[in-house]
Amino acid sequence: MGTKEETKLKTELQDIVLQTFTQFSTRIAKNEELGAVGSRLLSGFQQELEVNACLLGLQDHLTKAKSILNELENLLEDLASAINSSKESFSPLKDKDLCEEFDQQAII
């Protein structure tokens, strides 16, 4: 009877080892799948971070460009004001008088 019990125990142990190995293999496969999914998620997250960084950079450039445009508009307003001021100071002079004055200066 010792050999039947030994055979039965050996068979039970083999079944336990087979179940344990099967469960272990299943868990390893799940871990590999989770690793692949995690890698894809991290890759997508990294791409979104890069897009976000690009958008922030573009917004910064747009802000700087708007600031430069505002400065240029202010300079144009100053220039227009200076031109109008200069026109007012030359307004009493007539073009004909101005030409004659330049001609006289050219002769001298």
PDB file of N, CA and C in Angstrom:
ATOM      1  N   MET A   1       0.796  -1.191   0.000  1.00  0.00           N
ATOM      2  CA  MET A   1       0.000   0.000   0.000  1.00  0.00           C
ATOM      3  C   MET A   1       0.842   1.261   0.000  1.00  0.00           C
ATOM      4  N   GLY A   2       2.041   1.155   0.396  1.00  0.00           N
ATOM      5  CA  GLY A   2       2.922   2.292   0.421  1.00  0.00           C
ATOM      6  C   GLY A   2       3.145   2.864  -0.954  1.00  0.00           C
ATOM      7  N   THR A   3       3.204   2.043  -1.950  1.00  0.00           N
ATOM      8  CA  THR A   3       3.470   2.558  -3.277  1.00  0.00           C
ATOM      9  C   THR A   3       2.257   3.242  -3.884  1.00  0.00           C
ATOM     10  N   LYS A   4       1.033   2.752  -3.561  1.00  0.00           N
ATOM     11  CA  LYS A   4      -0.166   3.420  -4.069  1.00  0.00           C
ATOM     12  C   LYS A   4      -0.285   4.807  -3.438  1.00  0.00           C
ATOM     13  N   GLU A   5      -0.020   4.889  -2.164  1.00  0.00           N
ATOM     14  CA  GLU A   5      -0.086   6.188  -1.474  1.00  0.00           C
ATOM     15  C   GLU A   5       1.009   7.121  -1.990  1.00  0.00           C
ATOM     16  N   GLU A   6       2.184   6.562  -2.215  1.00  0.00           N
ATOM     17  CA  GLU A   6       3.276   7.373  -2.753  1.00  0.00           C
ATOM     18  C   GLU A   6       2.940   7.875  -4.152  1.00  0.00           C
ATOM     19  N   THR A   7       2.349   6.987  -4.959  1.00  0.00           N
ATOM     20  CA  THR A   7       1.963   7.370  -6.314  1.00  0.00           C
ATOM     21  C   THR A   7       0.881   8.450  -6.269  1.00  0.00           C
ATOM     22  N   LYS A   8      -0.090   8.262  -5.344  1.00  0.00           N
ATOM     23  CA  LYS A   8      -1.169   9.244  -5.199  1.00  0.00           C
ATOM     24  C   LYS A   8      -0.601  10.587  -4.743  1.00  0.00           C
ATOM     25  N   LEU A   9       0.279  10.557  -3.755  1.00  0.00           N
ATOM     26  CA  LEU A   9       0.902  11.787  -3.275  1.00  0.00           C
ATOM     27  C   LEU A   9       1.743  12.444  -4.366  1.00  0.00           C
ATOM     28  N   LYS A  10       2.463  11.596  -5.110  1.00  0.00           N
ATOM     29  CA  LYS A  10       3.287  12.123  -6.205  1.00  0.00           C
ATOM     30  C   LYS A  10       2.409  12.783  -7.258  1.00  0.00           C
ATOM     31  N   THR A  11       1.288  12.166  -7.595  1.00  0.00           N
ATOM     32  CA  THR A  11       0.359  12.724  -8.573  1.00  0.00           C
ATOM     33  C   THR A  11      -0.235  14.034  -8.057  1.00  0.00           C
ATOM     34  N   GLU A  12      -0.623  14.055  -6.764  1.00  0.00           N
ATOM     35  CA  GLU A  12      -1.171  15.282  -6.173  1.00  0.00           C
ATOM     36  C   GLU A  12      -0.126  16.402  -6.183  1.00  0.00           C
ATOM     37  N   LEU A  13       1.102  16.038  -5.848  1.00  0.00           N
ATOM     38  CA  LEU A  13       2.174  17.044  -5.864  1.00  0.00           C
ATOM     39  C   LEU A  13       2.413  17.569  -7.273  1.00  0.00           C
ATOM     40  N   GLN A  14       2.381  16.665  -8.243  1.00  0.00           N
ATOM     41  CA  GLN A  14       2.556  17.103  -9.635  1.00  0.00           C
ATOM     42  C   GLN A  14       1.421  18.034 -10.053  1.00  0.00           C
ATOM     43  N   ASP A  15       0.185  17.715  -9.634  1.00  0.00           N
ATOM     44  CA  ASP A  15      -0.955  18.579  -9.946  1.00  0.00           C
ATOM     45  C   ASP A  15      -0.795  19.957  -9.293  1.00  0.00           C
ATOM     46  N   ILE A  16      -0.329  19.936  -8.033  1.00  0.00           N
ATOM     47  CA  ILE A  16      -0.116  21.204  -7.324  1.00  0.00           C
ATOM     48  C   ILE A  16       0.986  22.018  -8.012  1.00  0.00           C
ATOM     49  N   VAL A  17       2.058  21.334  -8.381  1.00  0.00           N
ATOM     50  CA  VAL A  17       3.162  22.027  -9.066  1.00  0.00           C
ATOM     51  C   VAL A  17       2.679  22.565 -10.408  1.00  0.00           C
ATOM     52  N   LEU A  18       1.898  21.776 -11.149  1.00  0.00           N
ATOM     53  CA  LEU A  18       1.380  22.208 -12.449  1.00  0.00           C
ATOM     54  C   LEU A  18       0.448  23.414 -12.285  1.00  0.00           C
ATOM     55  N   GLN A  19      -0.444  23.376 -11.282  1.00  0.00           N
ATOM     56  CA  GLN A  19      -1.347  24.504 -11.034  1.00  0.00           C
ATOM     57  C   GLN A  19      -0.554  25.759 -10.651  1.00  0.00           C
ATOM     58  N   THR A  20       0.415  25.584  -9.777  1.00  0.00           N
ATOM     59  CA  THR A  20       1.234  26.705  -9.340  1.00  0.00           C
ATOM     60  C   THR A  20       1.997  27.299 -10.519  1.00  0.00           C
ATOM     61  N   PHE A  21       2.570  26.441 -11.352  1.00  0.00           N
ATOM     62  CA  PHE A  21       3.300  26.924 -12.516  1.00  0.00           C
ATOM     63  C   PHE A  21       2.358  27.616 -13.500  1.00  0.00           C
ATOM     64  N   THR A  22       1.168  27.071 -13.699  1.00  0.00           N
ATOM     65  CA  THR A  22       0.184  27.677 -14.605  1.00  0.00           C
ATOM     66  C   THR A  22      -0.232  29.063 -14.090  1.00  0.00           C
ATOM     67  N   GLN A  23      -0.504  29.150 -12.791  1.00  0.00           N
ATOM     68  CA  GLN A  23      -0.872  30.440 -12.200  1.00  0.00           C
ATOM     69  C   GLN A  23       0.288  31.437 -12.316  1.00  0.00           C
ATOM     70  N   PHE A  24       1.483  30.947 -12.067  1.00  0.00           N
ATOM     71  CA  PHE A  24       2.663  31.801 -12.176  1.00  0.00           C
ATOM     72  C   PHE A  24       2.816  32.310 -13.619  1.00  0.00           C
ATOM     73  N   SER A  25       2.675  31.426 -14.590  1.00  0.00           N
ATOM     74  CA  SER A  25       2.802  31.808 -16.001  1.00  0.00           C
ATOM     75  C   SER A  25       1.714  32.802 -16.397  1.00  0.00           C
ATOM     76  N   THR A  26       0.507  32.597 -15.897  1.00  0.00           N
ATOM     77  CA  THR A  26      -0.602  33.513 -16.194  1.00  0.00           C
ATOM     78  C   THR A  26      -0.302  34.901 -15.622  1.00  0.00           C
ATOM     79  N   ARG A  27       0.191  34.938 -14.398  1.00  0.00           N
ATOM     80  CA  ARG A  27       0.516  36.226 -13.777  1.00  0.00           C
ATOM     81  C   ARG A  27       1.658  36.924 -14.511  1.00  0.00           C
ATOM     82  N   ILE A  28       2.636  36.168 -14.953  1.00  0.00           N
ATOM     83  CA  ILE A  28       3.738  36.755 -15.726  1.00  0.00           C
ATOM     84  C   ILE A  28       3.209  37.356 -17.024  1.00  0.00           C
ATOM     85  N   ALA A  29       2.323  36.636 -17.707  1.00  0.00           N
ATOM     86  CA  ALA A  29       1.740  37.133 -18.956  1.00  0.00           C
ATOM     87  C   ALA A  29       0.943  38.411 -18.697  1.00  0.00           C
ATOM     88  N   LYS A  30       0.166  38.434 -17.597  1.00  0.00           N
ATOM     89  CA  LYS A  30      -0.599  39.643 -17.260  1.00  0.00           C
ATOM     90  C   LYS A  30       0.335  40.815 -16.960  1.00  0.00           C
ATOM     91  N   ASN A  31       1.420  40.533 -16.240  1.00  0.00           N
ATOM     92  CA  ASN A  31       2.391  41.591 -15.950  1.00  0.00           C
ATOM     93  C   ASN A  31       3.008  42.137 -17.233  1.00  0.00           C
ATOM     94  N   GLU A  32       3.314  41.259 -18.184  1.00  0.00           N
ATOM     95  CA  GLU A  32       3.871  41.722 -19.463  1.00  0.00           C
ATOM     96  C   GLU A  32       2.861  42.576 -20.214  1.00  0.00           C
ATOM     97  N   GLU A  33       1.584  42.159 -20.190  1.00  0.00           N
ATOM     98  CA  GLU A  33       0.541  42.952 -20.843  1.00  0.00           C
ATOM     99  C   GLU A  33       0.392  44.311 -20.170  1.00  0.00           C
ATOM    100  N   LEU A  34       0.392  44.313 -18.839  1.00  0.00           N
ATOM    101  CA  LEU A  34       0.287  45.581 -18.112  1.00  0.00           C
ATOM    102  C   LEU A  34       1.486  46.480 -18.388  1.00  0.00           C
ATOM    103  N   GLY A  35       2.663  45.858 -18.519  1.00  0.00           N
ATOM    104  CA  GLY A  35       3.858  46.636 -18.848  1.00  0.00           C
ATOM    105  C   GLY A  35       3.736  47.288 -20.215  1.00  0.00           C
ATOM    106  N   ALA A  36       3.198  46.545 -21.192  1.00  0.00           N
ATOM    107  CA  ALA A  36       3.023  47.093 -22.538  1.00  0.00           C
ATOM    108  C   ALA A  36       1.989  48.223 -22.523  1.00  0.00           C
ATOM    109  N   VAL A  37       0.895  48.025 -21.800  1.00  0.00           N
ATOM    110  CA  VAL A  37      -0.142  49.073 -21.708  1.00  0.00           C
ATOM    111  C   VAL A  37       0.426  50.309 -21.014  1.00  0.00           C
ATOM    112  N   GLY A  38       1.164  50.072 -19.924  1.00  0.00           N
ATOM    113  CA  GLY A  38       1.784  51.196 -19.209  1.00  0.00           C
ATOM    114  C   GLY A  38       2.753  51.955 -20.096  1.00  0.00           C
ATOM    115  N   SER A  39       3.508  51.230 -20.904  1.00  0.00           N
ATOM    116  CA  SER A  39       4.455  51.877 -21.815  1.00  0.00           C
ATOM    117  C   SER A  39       3.725  52.745 -22.833  1.00  0.00           C
ATOM    118  N   ARG A  40       2.613  52.224 -23.381  1.00  0.00           N
ATOM    119  CA  ARG A  40       1.828  53.022 -24.340  1.00  0.00           C
ATOM    120  C   ARG A  40       1.242  54.256 -23.679  1.00  0.00           C
ATOM    121  N   LEU A  41       0.746  54.096 -22.443  1.00  0.00           N
ATOM    122  CA  LEU A  41       0.183  55.245 -21.730  1.00  0.00           C
ATOM    123  C   LEU A  41       1.250  56.301 -21.453  1.00  0.00           C
ATOM    124  N   LEU A  42       2.415  55.859 -21.023  1.00  0.00           N
ATOM    125  CA  LEU A  42       3.501  56.811 -20.772  1.00  0.00           C
ATOM    126  C   LEU A  42       3.933  57.514 -22.049  1.00  0.00           C
ATOM    127  N   SER A  43       3.967  56.775 -23.140  1.00  0.00           N
ATOM    128  CA  SER A  43       4.345  57.376 -24.419  1.00  0.00           C
ATOM    129  C   SER A  43       3.332  58.439 -24.832  1.00  0.00           C
ATOM    130  N   GLY A  44       2.056  58.109 -24.686  1.00  0.00           N
ATOM    131  CA  GLY A  44       1.013  59.092 -25.002  1.00  0.00           C
ATOM    132  C   GLY A  44       1.088  60.304 -24.099  1.00  0.00           C
ATOM    133  N   PHE A  45       1.343  60.075 -22.819  1.00  0.00           N
ATOM    134  CA  PHE A  45       1.468  61.173 -21.868  1.00  0.00           C
ATOM    135  C   PHE A  45       2.639  62.076 -22.235  1.00  0.00           C
ATOM    136  N   GLN A  46       3.766  61.452 -22.614  1.00  0.00           N
ATOM    137  CA  GLN A  46       4.940  62.228 -23.005  1.00  0.00           C
ATOM    138  C   GLN A  46       4.642  63.069 -24.243  1.00  0.00           C
ATOM    139  N   GLN A  47       3.933  62.499 -25.209  1.00  0.00           N
ATOM    140  CA  GLN A  47       3.588  63.249 -26.416  1.00  0.00           C
ATOM    141  C   GLN A  47       2.687  64.425 -26.071  1.00  0.00           C
ATOM    142  N   GLU A  48       1.732  64.218 -25.177  1.00  0.00           N
ATOM    143  CA  GLU A  48       0.850  65.315 -24.768  1.00  0.00           C
ATOM    144  C   GLU A  48       1.635  66.409 -24.047  1.00  0.00           C
ATOM    145  N   LEU A  49       2.610  66.009 -23.244  1.00  0.00           N
ATOM    146  CA  LEU A  49       3.450  67.008 -22.570  1.00  0.00           C
ATOM    147  C   LEU A  49       4.228  67.829 -23.586  1.00  0.00           C
ATOM    148  N   GLU A  50       4.748  67.150 -24.621  1.00  0.00           N
ATOM    149  CA  GLU A  50       5.504  67.863 -25.650  1.00  0.00           C
ATOM    150  C   GLU A  50       4.600  68.828 -26.403  1.00  0.00           C
ATOM    151  N   VAL A  51       3.380  68.387 -26.726  1.00  0.00           N
ATOM    152  CA  VAL A  51       2.425  69.275 -27.421  1.00  0.00           C
ATOM    153  C   VAL A  51       2.104  70.468 -26.533  1.00  0.00           C
ATOM    154  N   ASN A  52       1.880  70.187 -25.242  1.00  0.00           N
ATOM    155  CA  ASN A  52       1.567  71.266 -24.309  1.00  0.00           C
ATOM    156  C   ASN A  52       2.721  72.259 -24.218  1.00  0.00           C
ATOM    157  N   ALA A  53       3.945  71.729 -24.180  1.00  0.00           N
ATOM    158  CA  ALA A  53       5.122  72.602 -24.125  1.00  0.00           C
ATOM    159  C   ALA A  53       5.217  73.446 -25.393  1.00  0.00           C
ATOM    160  N   CYS A  54       4.907  72.844 -26.540  1.00  0.00           N
ATOM    161  CA  CYS A  54       4.933  73.588 -27.809  1.00  0.00           C
ATOM    162  C   CYS A  54       3.876  74.690 -27.795  1.00  0.00           C
ATOM    163  N   LEU A  55       2.696  74.356 -27.300  1.00  0.00           N
ATOM    164  CA  LEU A  55       1.629  75.360 -27.245  1.00  0.00           C
ATOM    165  C   LEU A  55       2.012  76.514 -26.323  1.00  0.00           C
ATOM    166  N   LEU A  56       2.621  76.181 -25.189  1.00  0.00           N
ATOM    167  CA  LEU A  56       3.052  77.247 -24.273  1.00  0.00           C
ATOM    168  C   LEU A  56       4.116  78.118 -24.933  1.00  0.00           C
ATOM    169  N   GLY A  57       5.022  77.488 -25.675  1.00  0.00           N
ATOM    170  CA  GLY A  57       6.046  78.246 -26.390  1.00  0.00           C
ATOM    171  C   GLY A  57       5.430  79.156 -27.438  1.00  0.00           C
ATOM    172  N   LEU A  58       4.442  78.628 -28.168  1.00  0.00           N
ATOM    173  CA  LEU A  58       3.763  79.442 -29.186  1.00  0.00           C
ATOM    174  C   LEU A  58       3.018  80.607 -28.546  1.00  0.00           C
ATOM    175  N   GLN A  59       2.358  80.340 -27.415  1.00  0.00           N
ATOM    176  CA  GLN A  59       1.651  81.419 -26.730  1.00  0.00           C
ATOM    177  C   GLN A  59       2.625  82.493 -26.264  1.00  0.00           C
ATOM    178  N   ASP A  60       3.791  82.087 -25.808  1.00  0.00           N
ATOM    179  CA  ASP A  60       4.810  83.043 -25.379  1.00  0.00           C
ATOM    180  C   ASP A  60       5.266  83.892 -26.562  1.00  0.00           C
ATOM    181  N   HIS A  61       5.492  83.250 -27.713  1.00  0.00           N
ATOM    182  CA  HIS A  61       5.904  83.993 -28.905  1.00  0.00           C
ATOM    183  C   HIS A  61       4.800  84.940 -29.365  1.00  0.00           C
ATOM    184  N   LEU A  62       3.543  84.499 -29.292  1.00  0.00           N
ATOM    185  CA  LEU A  62       2.435  85.371 -29.670  1.00  0.00           C
ATOM    186  C   LEU A  62       2.351  86.583 -28.747  1.00  0.00           C
ATOM    187  N   THR A  63       2.546  86.354 -27.471  1.00  0.00           N
ATOM    188  CA  THR A  63       2.519  87.464 -26.517  1.00  0.00           C
ATOM    189  C   THR A  63       3.618  88.469 -26.827  1.00  0.00           C
ATOM    190  N   LYS A  64       4.816  87.966 -27.112  1.00  0.00           N
ATOM    191  CA  LYS A  64       5.927  88.857 -27.447  1.00  0.00           C
ATOM    192  C   LYS A  64       5.655  89.603 -28.753  1.00  0.00           C
ATOM    193  N   ALA A  65       5.078  88.896 -29.739  1.00  0.00           N
ATOM    194  CA  ALA A  65       4.775  89.540 -31.028  1.00  0.00           C
ATOM    195  C   ALA A  65       3.727  90.642 -30.834  1.00  0.00           C
ATOM    196  N   LYS A  66       2.717  90.378 -30.006  1.00  0.00           N
ATOM    197  CA  LYS A  66       1.698  91.404 -29.738  1.00  0.00           C
ATOM    198  C   LYS A  66       2.320  92.618 -29.055  1.00  0.00           C
ATOM    199  N   SER A  67       3.243  92.359 -28.147  1.00  0.00           N
ATOM    200  CA  SER A  67       3.923  93.454 -27.457  1.00  0.00           C
ATOM    201  C   SER A  67       4.721  94.301 -28.444  1.00  0.00           C
ATOM    202  N   ILE A  68       5.420  93.642 -29.358  1.00  0.00           N
ATOM    203  CA  ILE A  68       6.204  94.364 -30.376  1.00  0.00           C
ATOM    204  C   ILE A  68       5.278  95.170 -31.280  1.00  0.00           C
ATOM    205  N   LEU A  69       4.139  94.569 -31.672  1.00  0.00           N
ATOM    206  CA  LEU A  69       3.176  95.290 -32.513  1.00  0.00           C
ATOM    207  C   LEU A  69       2.634  96.527 -31.792  1.00  0.00           C
ATOM    208  N   ASN A  70       2.363  96.396 -30.507  1.00  0.00           N
ATOM    209  CA  ASN A  70       1.895  97.557 -29.737  1.00  0.00           C
ATOM    210  C   ASN A  70       2.948  98.649 -29.695  1.00  0.00           C
ATOM    211  N   GLU A  71       4.208  98.259 -29.510  1.00  0.00           N
ATOM    212  CA  GLU A  71       5.286  99.242 -29.520  1.00  0.00           C
ATOM    213  C   GLU A  71       5.378  99.933 -30.878  1.00  0.00           C
ATOM    214  N   LEU A  72       5.247  99.155 -31.955  1.00  0.00           N
ATOM    215  CA  LEU A  72       5.295  99.737 -33.304  1.00  0.00           C
ATOM    216  C   LEU A  72       4.125 100.692 -33.529  1.00  0.00           C
ATOM    217  N   GLU A  73       2.948 100.321 -33.045  1.00  0.00           N
ATOM    218  CA  GLU A  73       1.794 101.217 -33.181  1.00  0.00           C
ATOM    219  C   GLU A  73       2.042 102.526 -32.435  1.00  0.00           C
ATOM    220  N   ASN A  74       2.617 102.422 -31.236  1.00  0.00           N
ATOM    221  CA  ASN A  74       2.936 103.642 -30.475  1.00  0.00           C
ATOM    222  C   ASN A  74       3.961 104.498 -31.209  1.00  0.00           C
ATOM    223  N   LEU A  75       4.968 103.846 -31.802  1.00  0.00           N
ATOM    224  CA  LEU A  75       5.964 104.594 -32.575  1.00  0.00           C
ATOM    225  C   LEU A  75       5.322 105.268 -33.785  1.00  0.00           C
ATOM    226  N   LEU A  76       4.407 104.570 -34.452  1.00  0.00           N
ATOM    227  CA  LEU A  76       3.711 105.173 -35.603  1.00  0.00           C
ATOM    228  C   LEU A  76       2.879 106.384 -35.166  1.00  0.00           C
ATOM    229  N   GLU A  77       2.232 106.256 -34.009  1.00  0.00           N
ATOM    230  CA  GLU A  77       1.458 107.393 -33.500  1.00  0.00           C
ATOM    231  C   GLU A  77       2.380 108.566 -33.189  1.00  0.00           C
ATOM    232  N   ASP A  78       3.529 108.276 -32.576  1.00  0.00           N
ATOM    233  CA  ASP A  78       4.500 109.345 -32.284  1.00  0.00           C
ATOM    234  C   ASP A  78       5.003 109.984 -33.570  1.00  0.00           C
ATOM    235  N   LEU A  79       5.268 109.167 -34.582  1.00  0.00           N
ATOM    236  CA  LEU A  79       5.749 109.669 -35.864  1.00  0.00           C
ATOM    237  C   LEU A  79       4.681 110.533 -36.533  1.00  0.00           C
ATOM    238  N   ALA A  80       3.447 110.068 -36.503  1.00  0.00           N
ATOM    239  CA  ALA A  80       2.351 110.844 -37.098  1.00  0.00           C
ATOM    240  C   ALA A  80       2.206 112.183 -36.375  1.00  0.00           C
ATOM    241  N   SER A  81       2.338 112.149 -35.067  1.00  0.00           N
ATOM    242  CA  SER A  81       2.250 113.383 -34.287  1.00  0.00           C
ATOM    243  C   SER A  81       3.391 114.330 -34.643  1.00  0.00           C
ATOM    244  N   ALA A  82       4.608 113.780 -34.792  1.00  0.00           N
ATOM    245  CA  ALA A  82       5.760 114.610 -35.156  1.00  0.00           C
ATOM    246  C   ALA A  82       5.583 115.193 -36.544  1.00  0.00           C
ATOM    247  N   ILE A  83       5.054 114.419 -37.467  1.00  0.00           N
ATOM    248  CA  ILE A  83       4.824 114.929 -38.834  1.00  0.00           C
ATOM    249  C   ILE A  83       3.787 116.030 -38.812  1.00  0.00           C
ATOM    250  N   ASN A  84       2.723 115.835 -38.049  1.00  0.00           N
ATOM    251  CA  ASN A  84       1.687 116.871 -37.963  1.00  0.00           C
ATOM    252  C   ASN A  84       2.245 118.133 -37.327  1.00  0.00           C
ATOM    253  N   SER A  85       3.104 117.984 -36.331  1.00  0.00           N
ATOM    254  CA  SER A  85       3.721 119.153 -35.694  1.00  0.00           C
ATOM    255  C   SER A  85       4.608 119.894 -36.684  1.00  0.00           C
ATOM    256  N   SER A  86       5.347 119.144 -37.459  1.00  0.00           N
ATOM    257  CA  SER A  86       6.239 119.789 -38.419  1.00  0.00           C
ATOM    258  C   SER A  86       5.443 120.466 -39.528  1.00  0.00           C
ATOM    259  N   LYS A  87       4.320 119.900 -39.905  1.00  0.00           N
ATOM    260  CA  LYS A  87       3.480 120.531 -40.929  1.00  0.00           C
ATOM    261  C   LYS A  87       2.947 121.867 -40.426  1.00  0.00           C
ATOM    262  N   GLU A  88       2.582 121.886 -39.146  1.00  0.00           N
ATOM    263  CA  GLU A  88       2.056 123.118 -38.573  1.00  0.00           C
ATOM    264  C   GLU A  88       3.118 124.206 -38.522  1.00  0.00           C
ATOM    265  N   SER A  89       4.355 123.823 -38.270  1.00  0.00           N
ATOM    266  CA  SER A  89       5.398 124.842 -38.201  1.00  0.00           C
ATOM    267  C   SER A  89       5.764 125.342 -39.592  1.00  0.00           C
ATOM    268  N   PHE A  90       5.569 124.562 -40.643  1.00  0.00           N
ATOM    269  CA  PHE A  90       5.850 124.983 -42.022  1.00  0.00           C
ATOM    270  C   PHE A  90       4.618 125.548 -42.715  1.00  0.00           C
ATOM    271  N   SER A  91       3.466 125.470 -42.097  1.00  0.00           N
ATOM    272  CA  SER A  91       2.237 125.895 -42.766  1.00  0.00           C
ATOM    273  C   SER A  91       2.233 127.352 -43.201  1.00  0.00           C
ATOM    274  N   PRO A  92       2.831 128.296 -42.452  1.00  0.00           N
ATOM    275  CA  PRO A  92       2.792 129.669 -42.943  1.00  0.00           C
ATOM    276  C   PRO A  92       3.600 129.857 -44.230  1.00  0.00           C
ATOM    277  N   LEU A  93       4.562 129.011 -44.436  1.00  0.00           N
ATOM    278  CA  LEU A  93       5.361 129.130 -45.651  1.00  0.00           C
ATOM    279  C   LEU A  93       4.620 128.508 -46.813  1.00  0.00           C
ATOM    280  N   LYS A  94       4.734 129.138 -47.947  1.00  0.00           N
ATOM    281  CA  LYS A  94       4.119 128.578 -49.143  1.00  0.00           C
ATOM    282  C   LYS A  94       5.189 127.837 -49.909  1.00  0.00           C
ATOM    283  N   ASP A  95       4.784 126.868 -50.684  1.00  0.00           N
ATOM    284  CA  ASP A  95       5.737 126.104 -51.478  1.00  0.00           C
ATOM    285  C   ASP A  95       6.554 127.022 -52.386  1.00  0.00           C
ATOM    286  N   LYS A  96       5.910 128.023 -52.961  1.00  0.00           N
ATOM    287  CA  LYS A  96       6.616 128.923 -53.871  1.00  0.00           C
ATOM    288  C   LYS A  96       7.666 129.723 -53.114  1.00  0.00           C
ATOM    289  N   ASP A  97       7.296 130.212 -51.943  1.00  0.00           N
ATOM    290  CA  ASP A  97       8.256 130.958 -51.123  1.00  0.00           C
ATOM    291  C   ASP A  97       9.412 130.065 -50.705  1.00  0.00           C
ATOM    292  N   LEU A  98       9.107 128.848 -50.351  1.00  0.00           N
ATOM    293  CA  LEU A  98      10.134 127.904 -49.924  1.00  0.00           C
ATOM    294  C   LEU A  98      11.092 127.591 -51.070  1.00  0.00           C
ATOM    295  N   CYS A  99      10.571 127.407 -52.266  1.00  0.00           N
ATOM    296  CA  CYS A  99      11.418 127.141 -53.437  1.00  0.00           C
ATOM    297  C   CYS A  99      12.320 128.333 -53.730  1.00  0.00           C
ATOM    298  N   GLU A 100      11.762 129.535 -53.646  1.00  0.00           N
ATOM    299  CA  GLU A 100      12.587 130.718 -53.905  1.00  0.00           C
ATOM    300  C   GLU A 100      13.694 130.853 -52.860  1.00  0.00           C
ATOM    301  N   GLU A 101      13.368 130.545 -51.607  1.00  0.00           N
ATOM    302  CA  GLU A 101      14.383 130.625 -50.556  1.00  0.00           C
ATOM    303  C   GLU A 101      15.484 129.609 -50.804  1.00  0.00           C
ATOM    304  N   PHE A 102      15.136 128.384 -51.208  1.00  0.00           N
ATOM    305  CA  PHE A 102      16.132 127.377 -51.503  1.00  0.00           C
ATOM    306  C   PHE A 102      16.989 127.794 -52.722  1.00  0.00           C
ATOM    307  N   ASP A 103      16.333 128.388 -53.713  1.00  0.00           N
ATOM    308  CA  ASP A 103      17.078 128.839 -54.904  1.00  0.00           C
ATOM    309  C   ASP A 103      18.092 129.921 -54.505  1.00  0.00           C
ATOM    310  N   GLN A 104      17.689 130.828 -53.647  1.00  0.00           N
ATOM    311  CA  GLN A 104      18.607 131.882 -53.226  1.00  0.00           C
ATOM    312  C   GLN A 104      19.768 131.314 -52.422  1.00  0.00           C
ATOM    313  N   GLN A 105      19.504 130.353 -51.609  1.00  0.00           N
ATOM    314  CA  GLN A 105      20.576 129.734 -50.845  1.00  0.00           C
ATOM    315  C   GLN A 105      21.512 128.953 -51.750  1.00  0.00           C
ATOM    316  N   ALA A 106      20.974 128.384 -52.782  1.00  0.00           N
ATOM    317  CA  ALA A 106      21.814 127.620 -53.712  1.00  0.00           C
ATOM    318  C   ALA A 106      22.741 128.537 -54.488  1.00  0.00           C
ATOM    319  N   ILE A 107      22.300 129.759 -54.753  1.00  0.00           N
ATOM    320  CA  ILE A 107      23.119 130.710 -55.500  1.00  0.00           C
ATOM    321  C   ILE A 107      24.282 131.158 -54.634  1.00  0.00           C
ATOM    322  N   ILE A 108      24.064 131.326 -53.365  1.00  0.00           N
ATOM    323  CA  ILE A 108      25.105 131.832 -52.469  1.00  0.00           C
ATOM    324  C   ILE A 108      26.145 130.798 -52.278  1.00  0.00           C
TER     325      ILE A 108
END
